[in-house]
Every structure is written in C-alpha cells, then in structure tokens.
C-alpha cells in the first residue's frame, strides 16, 4: 500500500480500521475491501477482494475531479 501512496504522492488520509468500527458502520464484508469516497464524502465504489495496483489506479482515475 505504501508503494501506491508514494508513487502517486497521495496527500489524503488512508486510514486502517484496526478496531473494526468502520467495517461495522459501513457493513463491509470480506477483507480486503477498498472504499472510494469522493471529495463530497459520498461513497463512489466499494470493491471486495484484492486488487492490483493498476486496477486500483483505474478506479481512482474514475472519481478524481476534473480541473
């Protein structure tokens, strides 16, 4: 995960739910799961299961706001 963060110089928080609080709040099932949240705080997509860095990048590009 840190390679992806470093490669794209991401500055937004990428939290890890160590207590399961967020998992329970958003009813996330099997792990790993990835939740993409847009700049308004709306969940855009939830992905269940492992993903390649390339696929994660594709999903991220779909929700990045256009300048």
PDB file of N, CA and C in Angstrom:
ATOM      1  N   UNK A   1       0.827  -1.192   0.000  1.00  0.00           N
ATOM      2  CA  UNK A   1       0.000   0.000   0.000  1.00  0.00           C
ATOM      3  C   UNK A   1       0.867   1.250   0.000  1.00  0.00           C
ATOM      4  N   UNK A   2       1.944   1.266   0.768  1.00  0.00           N
ATOM      5  CA  UNK A   2       2.791   2.456   0.822  1.00  0.00           C
ATOM      6  C   UNK A   2       3.423   2.754  -0.532  1.00  0.00           C
ATOM      7  N   UNK A   3       3.723   1.722  -1.322  1.00  0.00           N
ATOM      8  CA  UNK A   3       4.281   1.966  -2.659  1.00  0.00           C
ATOM      9  C   UNK A   3       3.300   2.758  -3.506  1.00  0.00           C
ATOM     10  N   UNK A   4       2.020   2.398  -3.448  1.00  0.00           N
ATOM     11  CA  UNK A   4       0.994   3.101  -4.202  1.00  0.00           C
ATOM     12  C   UNK A   4       0.880   4.546  -3.731  1.00  0.00           C
ATOM     13  N   UNK A   5       0.870   4.754  -2.433  1.00  0.00           N
ATOM     14  CA  UNK A   5       0.772   6.102  -1.860  1.00  0.00           C
ATOM     15  C   UNK A   5       1.971   6.938  -2.282  1.00  0.00           C
ATOM     16  N   UNK A   6       3.156   6.375  -2.187  1.00  0.00           N
ATOM     17  CA  UNK A   6       4.371   7.102  -2.559  1.00  0.00           C
ATOM     18  C   UNK A   6       4.434   7.371  -4.063  1.00  0.00           C
ATOM     19  N   UNK A   7       4.063   6.390  -4.867  1.00  0.00           N
ATOM     20  CA  UNK A   7       4.143   6.537  -6.320  1.00  0.00           C
ATOM     21  C   UNK A   7       3.284   7.696  -6.815  1.00  0.00           C
ATOM     22  N   UNK A   8       2.116   7.860  -6.211  1.00  0.00           N
ATOM     23  CA  UNK A   8       1.186   8.893  -6.669  1.00  0.00           C
ATOM     24  C   UNK A   8       1.171  10.116  -5.760  1.00  0.00           C
ATOM     25  N   UNK A   9       2.102  10.156  -4.809  1.00  0.00           N
ATOM     26  CA  UNK A   9       2.223  11.295  -3.905  1.00  0.00           C
ATOM     27  C   UNK A   9       0.873  11.688  -3.316  1.00  0.00           C
ATOM     28  N   UNK A  10       0.147  10.689  -2.828  1.00  0.00           N
ATOM     29  CA  UNK A  10      -1.178  10.932  -2.267  1.00  0.00           C
ATOM     30  C   UNK A  10      -1.051  11.678  -0.942  1.00  0.00           C
ATOM     31  N   UNK A  11      -1.874  12.674  -0.780  1.00  0.00           N
ATOM     32  CA  UNK A  11      -1.804  13.501   0.429  1.00  0.00           C
ATOM     33  C   UNK A  11      -3.043  13.362   1.305  1.00  0.00           C
ATOM     34  N   UNK A  12      -4.045  12.630   0.823  1.00  0.00           N
ATOM     35  CA  UNK A  12      -5.242  12.461   1.641  1.00  0.00           C
ATOM     36  C   UNK A  12      -5.048  11.281   2.590  1.00  0.00           C
ATOM     37  N   UNK A  13      -5.791  11.262   3.681  1.00  0.00           N
ATOM     38  CA  UNK A  13      -5.618  10.174   4.650  1.00  0.00           C
ATOM     39  C   UNK A  13      -6.097   8.829   4.096  1.00  0.00           C
ATOM     40  N   UNK A  14      -5.339   7.798   4.376  1.00  0.00           N
ATOM     41  CA  UNK A  14      -5.714   6.438   4.022  1.00  0.00           C
ATOM     42  C   UNK A  14      -5.670   5.639   5.324  1.00  0.00           C
ATOM     43  N   UNK A  15      -6.783   5.650   6.040  1.00  0.00           N
ATOM     44  CA  UNK A  15      -6.798   5.031   7.368  1.00  0.00           C
ATOM     45  C   UNK A  15      -6.892   3.514   7.303  1.00  0.00           C
ATOM     46  N   UNK A  16      -6.472   2.885   8.368  1.00  0.00           N
ATOM     47  CA  UNK A  16      -6.609   1.445   8.542  1.00  0.00           C
ATOM     48  C   UNK A  16      -7.526   1.242   9.743  1.00  0.00           C
ATOM     49  N   UNK A  17      -8.570   0.478   9.556  1.00  0.00           N
ATOM     50  CA  UNK A  17      -9.600   0.259  10.567  1.00  0.00           C
ATOM     51  C   UNK A  17      -9.181  -0.856  11.522  1.00  0.00           C
ATOM     52  N   UNK A  18      -8.349  -0.527  12.477  1.00  0.00           N
ATOM     53  CA  UNK A  18      -7.787  -1.532  13.381  1.00  0.00           C
ATOM     54  C   UNK A  18      -8.805  -2.109  14.365  1.00  0.00           C
ATOM     55  N   UNK A  19      -9.854  -1.348  14.690  1.00  0.00           N
ATOM     56  CA  UNK A  19     -10.832  -1.815  15.678  1.00  0.00           C
ATOM     57  C   UNK A  19     -12.080  -2.427  15.056  1.00  0.00           C
ATOM     58  N   UNK A  20     -12.262  -2.263  13.735  1.00  0.00           N
ATOM     59  CA  UNK A  20     -13.448  -2.785  13.072  1.00  0.00           C
ATOM     60  C   UNK A  20     -14.637  -1.842  13.121  1.00  0.00           C
ATOM     61  N   UNK A  21     -14.459  -0.664  13.684  1.00  0.00           N
ATOM     62  CA  UNK A  21     -15.557   0.298  13.811  1.00  0.00           C
ATOM     63  C   UNK A  21     -16.111   0.715  12.441  1.00  0.00           C
ATOM     64  N   UNK A  22     -15.238   1.044  11.516  1.00  0.00           N
ATOM     65  CA  UNK A  22     -15.671   1.481  10.190  1.00  0.00           C
ATOM     66  C   UNK A  22     -16.261   0.305   9.416  1.00  0.00           C
ATOM     67  N   UNK A  23     -15.655  -0.854   9.543  1.00  0.00           N
ATOM     68  CA  UNK A  23     -16.185  -2.059   8.896  1.00  0.00           C
ATOM     69  C   UNK A  23     -17.640  -2.281   9.299  1.00  0.00           C
ATOM     70  N   UNK A  24     -17.925  -2.143  10.577  1.00  0.00           N
ATOM     71  CA  UNK A  24     -19.278  -2.344  11.064  1.00  0.00           C
ATOM     72  C   UNK A  24     -20.208  -1.208  10.619  1.00  0.00           C
ATOM     73  N   UNK A  25     -19.730   0.021  10.668  1.00  0.00           N
ATOM     74  CA  UNK A  25     -20.535   1.182  10.301  1.00  0.00           C
ATOM     75  C   UNK A  25     -20.979   1.119   8.844  1.00  0.00           C
ATOM     76  N   UNK A  26     -20.053   0.748   7.940  1.00  0.00           N
ATOM     77  CA  UNK A  26     -20.359   0.701   6.514  1.00  0.00           C
ATOM     78  C   UNK A  26     -20.685  -0.701   6.019  1.00  0.00           C
ATOM     79  N   UNK A  27     -20.807  -1.647   6.937  1.00  0.00           N
ATOM     80  CA  UNK A  27     -21.179  -3.020   6.619  1.00  0.00           C
ATOM     81  C   UNK A  27     -20.291  -3.619   5.528  1.00  0.00           C
ATOM     82  N   UNK A  28     -18.990  -3.476   5.730  1.00  0.00           N
ATOM     83  CA  UNK A  28     -18.016  -4.031   4.803  1.00  0.00           C
ATOM     84  C   UNK A  28     -17.830  -5.495   5.135  1.00  0.00           C
ATOM     85  N   UNK A  29     -17.919  -6.332   4.131  1.00  0.00           N
ATOM     86  CA  UNK A  29     -17.831  -7.766   4.325  1.00  0.00           C
ATOM     87  C   UNK A  29     -16.409  -8.263   4.327  1.00  0.00           C
ATOM     88  N   UNK A  30     -16.134  -9.171   3.415  1.00  0.00           N
ATOM     89  CA  UNK A  30     -14.816  -9.816   3.387  1.00  0.00           C
ATOM     90  C   UNK A  30     -13.676  -8.810   3.208  1.00  0.00           C
ATOM     91  N   UNK A  31     -12.557  -9.157   3.780  1.00  0.00           N
ATOM     92  CA  UNK A  31     -11.374  -8.315   3.631  1.00  0.00           C
ATOM     93  C   UNK A  31     -10.418  -9.000   2.673  1.00  0.00           C
ATOM     94  N   UNK A  32      -9.650  -8.327   1.879  1.00  0.00           N
ATOM     95  CA  UNK A  32      -9.579  -6.866   1.849  1.00  0.00           C
ATOM     96  C   UNK A  32     -10.754  -6.265   1.085  1.00  0.00           C
ATOM     97  N   UNK A  33     -11.125  -5.067   1.482  1.00  0.00           N
ATOM     98  CA  UNK A  33     -12.137  -4.275   0.797  1.00  0.00           C
ATOM     99  C   UNK A  33     -11.589  -2.870   0.637  1.00  0.00           C
ATOM    100  N   UNK A  34     -11.933  -2.237  -0.465  1.00  0.00           N
ATOM    101  CA  UNK A  34     -11.494  -0.873  -0.722  1.00  0.00           C
ATOM    102  C   UNK A  34     -12.731  -0.023  -0.961  1.00  0.00           C
ATOM    103  N   UNK A  35     -12.792   1.127  -0.293  1.00  0.00           N
ATOM    104  CA  UNK A  35     -13.917   2.040  -0.454  1.00  0.00           C
ATOM    105  C   UNK A  35     -13.373   3.346  -1.011  1.00  0.00           C
ATOM    106  N   UNK A  36     -13.894   3.765  -2.160  1.00  0.00           N
ATOM    107  CA  UNK A  36     -13.510   5.033  -2.761  1.00  0.00           C
ATOM    108  C   UNK A  36     -14.562   6.063  -2.395  1.00  0.00           C
ATOM    109  N   UNK A  37     -14.118   7.147  -1.761  1.00  0.00           N
ATOM    110  CA  UNK A  37     -15.007   8.213  -1.299  1.00  0.00           C
ATOM    111  C   UNK A  37     -14.617   9.488  -2.030  1.00  0.00           C
ATOM    112  N   UNK A  38     -15.606  10.149  -2.646  1.00  0.00           N
ATOM    113  CA  UNK A  38     -15.293  11.350  -3.421  1.00  0.00           C
ATOM    114  C   UNK A  38     -15.072  12.556  -2.503  1.00  0.00           C
ATOM    115  N   UNK A  39     -14.770  13.699  -3.110  1.00  0.00           N
ATOM    116  CA  UNK A  39     -14.429  14.895  -2.331  1.00  0.00           C
ATOM    117  C   UNK A  39     -15.616  15.434  -1.532  1.00  0.00           C
ATOM    118  N   UNK A  40     -16.833  15.007  -1.851  1.00  0.00           N
ATOM    119  CA  UNK A  40     -18.014  15.408  -1.077  1.00  0.00           C
ATOM    120  C   UNK A  40     -18.332  14.413   0.045  1.00  0.00           C
ATOM    121  N   UNK A  41     -17.525  13.373   0.169  1.00  0.00           N
ATOM    122  CA  UNK A  41     -17.740  12.374   1.212  1.00  0.00           C
ATOM    123  C   UNK A  41     -18.684  11.255   0.813  1.00  0.00           C
ATOM    124  N   UNK A  42     -19.104  11.207  -0.443  1.00  0.00           N
ATOM    125  CA  UNK A  42     -20.008  10.161  -0.927  1.00  0.00           C
ATOM    126  C   UNK A  42     -19.205   8.936  -1.354  1.00  0.00           C
ATOM    127  N   UNK A  43     -19.690   7.770  -0.958  1.00  0.00           N
ATOM    128  CA  UNK A  43     -19.050   6.531  -1.387  1.00  0.00           C
ATOM    129  C   UNK A  43     -19.347   6.329  -2.870  1.00  0.00           C
ATOM    130  N   UNK A  44     -18.296   6.280  -3.671  1.00  0.00           N
ATOM    131  CA  UNK A  44     -18.433   6.097  -5.108  1.00  0.00           C
ATOM    132  C   UNK A  44     -18.409   4.629  -5.506  1.00  0.00           C
ATOM    133  N   UNK A  45     -17.596   3.849  -4.818  1.00  0.00           N
ATOM    134  CA  UNK A  45     -17.446   2.448  -5.187  1.00  0.00           C
ATOM    135  C   UNK A  45     -16.854   1.685  -4.016  1.00  0.00           C
ATOM    136  N   UNK A  46     -17.332   0.474  -3.818  1.00  0.00           N
ATOM    137  CA  UNK A  46     -16.758  -0.447  -2.845  1.00  0.00           C
ATOM    138  C   UNK A  46     -16.310  -1.681  -3.605  1.00  0.00           C
ATOM    139  N   UNK A  47     -15.072  -2.074  -3.392  1.00  0.00           N
ATOM    140  CA  UNK A  47     -14.508  -3.226  -4.086  1.00  0.00           C
ATOM    141  C   UNK A  47     -14.151  -4.276  -3.038  1.00  0.00           C
ATOM    142  N   UNK A  48     -14.664  -5.467  -3.233  1.00  0.00           N
ATOM    143  CA  UNK A  48     -14.390  -6.578  -2.327  1.00  0.00           C
ATOM    144  C   UNK A  48     -13.280  -7.420  -2.933  1.00  0.00           C
ATOM    145  N   UNK A  49     -12.281  -7.738  -2.138  1.00  0.00           N
ATOM    146  CA  UNK A  49     -11.204  -8.600  -2.592  1.00  0.00           C
ATOM    147  C   UNK A  49      -9.955  -7.832  -2.977  1.00  0.00           C
ATOM    148  N   UNK A  50      -8.905  -8.582  -3.172  1.00  0.00           N
ATOM    149  CA  UNK A  50      -7.612  -7.995  -3.522  1.00  0.00           C
ATOM    150  C   UNK A  50      -7.667  -7.421  -4.935  1.00  0.00           C
ATOM    151  N   UNK A  51      -6.935  -6.325  -5.137  1.00  0.00           N
ATOM    152  CA  UNK A  51      -6.871  -5.661  -6.434  1.00  0.00           C
ATOM    153  C   UNK A  51      -5.415  -5.377  -6.769  1.00  0.00           C
ATOM    154  N   UNK A  52      -5.118  -5.358  -8.039  1.00  0.00           N
ATOM    155  CA  UNK A  52      -3.773  -4.968  -8.451  1.00  0.00           C
ATOM    156  C   UNK A  52      -3.653  -3.450  -8.330  1.00  0.00           C
ATOM    157  N   UNK A  53      -2.430  -2.973  -8.253  1.00  0.00           N
ATOM    158  CA  UNK A  53      -2.218  -1.528  -8.210  1.00  0.00           C
ATOM    159  C   UNK A  53      -2.770  -0.868  -9.471  1.00  0.00           C
ATOM    160  N   UNK A  54      -2.651  -1.534 -10.588  1.00  0.00           N
ATOM    161  CA  UNK A  54      -3.155  -0.982 -11.841  1.00  0.00           C
ATOM    162  C   UNK A  54      -4.668  -0.814 -11.798  1.00  0.00           C
ATOM    163  N   UNK A  55      -5.360  -1.812 -11.284  1.00  0.00           N
ATOM    164  CA  UNK A  55      -6.830  -1.739 -11.216  1.00  0.00           C
ATOM    165  C   UNK A  55      -7.264  -0.667 -10.212  1.00  0.00           C
ATOM    166  N   UNK A  56      -6.579  -0.566  -9.087  1.00  0.00           N
ATOM    167  CA  UNK A  56      -6.905   0.483  -8.124  1.00  0.00           C
ATOM    168  C   UNK A  56      -6.726   1.861  -8.748  1.00  0.00           C
ATOM    169  N   UNK A  57      -5.667   2.013  -9.556  1.00  0.00           N
ATOM    170  CA  UNK A  57      -5.437   3.285 -10.230  1.00  0.00           C
ATOM    171  C   UNK A  57      -6.590   3.601 -11.184  1.00  0.00           C
ATOM    172  N   UNK A  58      -7.072   2.616 -11.900  1.00  0.00           N
ATOM    173  CA  UNK A  58      -8.190   2.834 -12.815  1.00  0.00           C
ATOM    174  C   UNK A  58      -9.423   3.325 -12.059  1.00  0.00           C
ATOM    175  N   UNK A  59      -9.730   2.687 -10.946  1.00  0.00           N
ATOM    176  CA  UNK A  59     -10.871   3.119 -10.139  1.00  0.00           C
ATOM    177  C   UNK A  59     -10.663   4.541  -9.622  1.00  0.00           C
ATOM    178  N   UNK A  60      -9.460   4.833  -9.169  1.00  0.00           N
ATOM    179  CA  UNK A  60      -9.161   6.160  -8.642  1.00  0.00           C
ATOM    180  C   UNK A  60      -9.331   7.217  -9.726  1.00  0.00           C
ATOM    181  N   UNK A  61      -8.851   6.933 -10.925  1.00  0.00           N
ATOM    182  CA  UNK A  61      -8.973   7.889 -12.026  1.00  0.00           C
ATOM    183  C   UNK A  61     -10.435   8.188 -12.356  1.00  0.00           C
ATOM    184  N   UNK A  62     -11.310   7.223 -12.118  1.00  0.00           N
ATOM    185  CA  UNK A  62     -12.736   7.417 -12.407  1.00  0.00           C
ATOM    186  C   UNK A  62     -13.376   8.464 -11.492  1.00  0.00           C
ATOM    187  N   UNK A  63     -12.843   8.629 -10.285  1.00  0.00           N
ATOM    188  CA  UNK A  63     -13.504   9.545  -9.343  1.00  0.00           C
ATOM    189  C   UNK A  63     -12.720  10.819  -9.080  1.00  0.00           C
ATOM    190  N   UNK A  64     -11.513  10.947  -9.635  1.00  0.00           N
ATOM    191  CA  UNK A  64     -10.748  12.174  -9.430  1.00  0.00           C
ATOM    192  C   UNK A  64     -11.485  13.318 -10.138  1.00  0.00           C
ATOM    193  N   UNK A  65     -11.760  14.411  -9.419  1.00  0.00           N
ATOM    194  CA  UNK A  65     -12.471  15.533 -10.048  1.00  0.00           C
ATOM    195  C   UNK A  65     -11.635  16.123 -11.199  1.00  0.00           C
ATOM    196  N   UNK A  66     -12.318  16.508 -12.256  1.00  0.00           N
ATOM    197  CA  UNK A  66     -11.654  17.187 -13.360  1.00  0.00           C
ATOM    198  C   UNK A  66     -11.403  18.637 -12.987  1.00  0.00           C
ATOM    199  N   UNK A  67     -10.224  19.173 -13.373  1.00  0.00           N
ATOM    200  CA  UNK A  67      -9.943  20.581 -13.015  1.00  0.00           C
ATOM    201  C   UNK A  67     -10.830  21.554 -13.741  1.00  0.00           C
TER     202      UNK A  67
END
